Amino acid sequence: MKKEQVLAKMKEDCLVAVVRAKDKVQGEKVVDAIIAGGINFIEITMTMDEATPLSSSR
């Protein structure tokens, strides 16, 4: 999808989910639920007190 198409879809949807999770596992669960709910755009914040946001806790 081209940049112009993405921007047009964002304007059409008028919704971006913002996710802030305590760890990667929780974040993945939340993102899966958002996608299942039909939301097309997701922002994942990378603010955590400890560790790195993308490190696996599994």
Protein backbone atom coordinates (compact mmCIF):
# COMPACT_ATOMS: atom_id res chain seq x y z
CA MET A 1 0.00 0.00 0.00
CA LYS A 2 1.35 3.41 -0.93
CA LYS A 3 1.76 6.25 1.56
CA GLU A 4 -1.15 8.16 0.06
CA GLN A 5 -3.42 5.12 0.41
CA VAL A 6 -2.44 4.64 4.05
CA LEU A 7 -3.13 8.29 4.84
CA ALA A 8 -6.50 8.12 3.10
CA LYS A 9 -7.43 5.01 5.09
CA MET A 10 -6.39 6.71 8.35
CA LYS A 11 -8.60 9.69 7.51
CA GLU A 12 -11.47 7.34 6.70
CA ASP A 13 -11.13 5.28 9.90
CA CYS A 14 -10.52 8.27 12.24
CA LEU A 15 -9.19 5.88 14.89
CA VAL A 16 -5.75 4.85 16.09
CA ALA A 17 -5.45 2.55 19.10
CA VAL A 18 -2.61 3.46 21.47
CA VAL A 19 -1.07 0.57 23.39
CA ARG A 20 1.10 0.84 26.47
CA ALA A 21 1.76 -2.52 28.07
CA LYS A 22 3.83 -3.62 31.04
CA ASP A 23 5.74 -6.14 28.91
CA LYS A 24 5.92 -7.73 25.47
CA VAL A 25 3.56 -10.59 26.31
CA GLN A 26 0.82 -8.26 27.54
CA GLY A 27 1.37 -5.98 24.56
CA GLU A 28 0.99 -8.86 22.10
CA LYS A 29 -2.30 -9.90 23.73
CA VAL A 30 -3.66 -6.37 23.57
CA VAL A 31 -2.60 -5.93 19.94
CA ASP A 32 -4.22 -9.26 19.01
CA ALA A 33 -7.49 -8.13 20.62
CA ILE A 34 -7.37 -4.76 18.85
CA ILE A 35 -6.86 -6.44 15.48
CA ALA A 36 -9.66 -8.93 16.20
CA GLY A 37 -11.88 -5.95 16.98
CA GLY A 38 -11.31 -4.54 13.52
CA ILE A 39 -9.07 -1.56 14.31
CA ASN A 40 -6.59 -1.00 11.49
CA PHE A 41 -4.06 1.37 13.04
CA ILE A 42 -2.10 0.82 16.25
CA GLU A 43 0.54 2.94 17.97
CA ILE A 44 2.74 1.04 20.42
CA THR A 45 4.45 3.27 22.95
CA MET A 46 7.92 2.27 24.05
CA THR A 47 7.97 3.67 27.57
CA MET A 48 8.96 1.22 30.27
CA ASP A 49 10.65 1.72 33.61
CA GLU A 50 12.82 -1.39 33.39
CA ALA A 51 14.33 -3.57 30.66
CA THR A 52 13.95 -2.95 26.97
CA PRO A 53 10.45 -2.78 25.51
CA LEU A 54 11.09 -5.47 22.92
CA SER A 55 12.87 -7.98 25.12
CA SER A 56 10.98 -11.21 25.50
CA SER A 57 9.66 -12.13 28.93
CA ARG A 58 8.82 -15.67 27.83
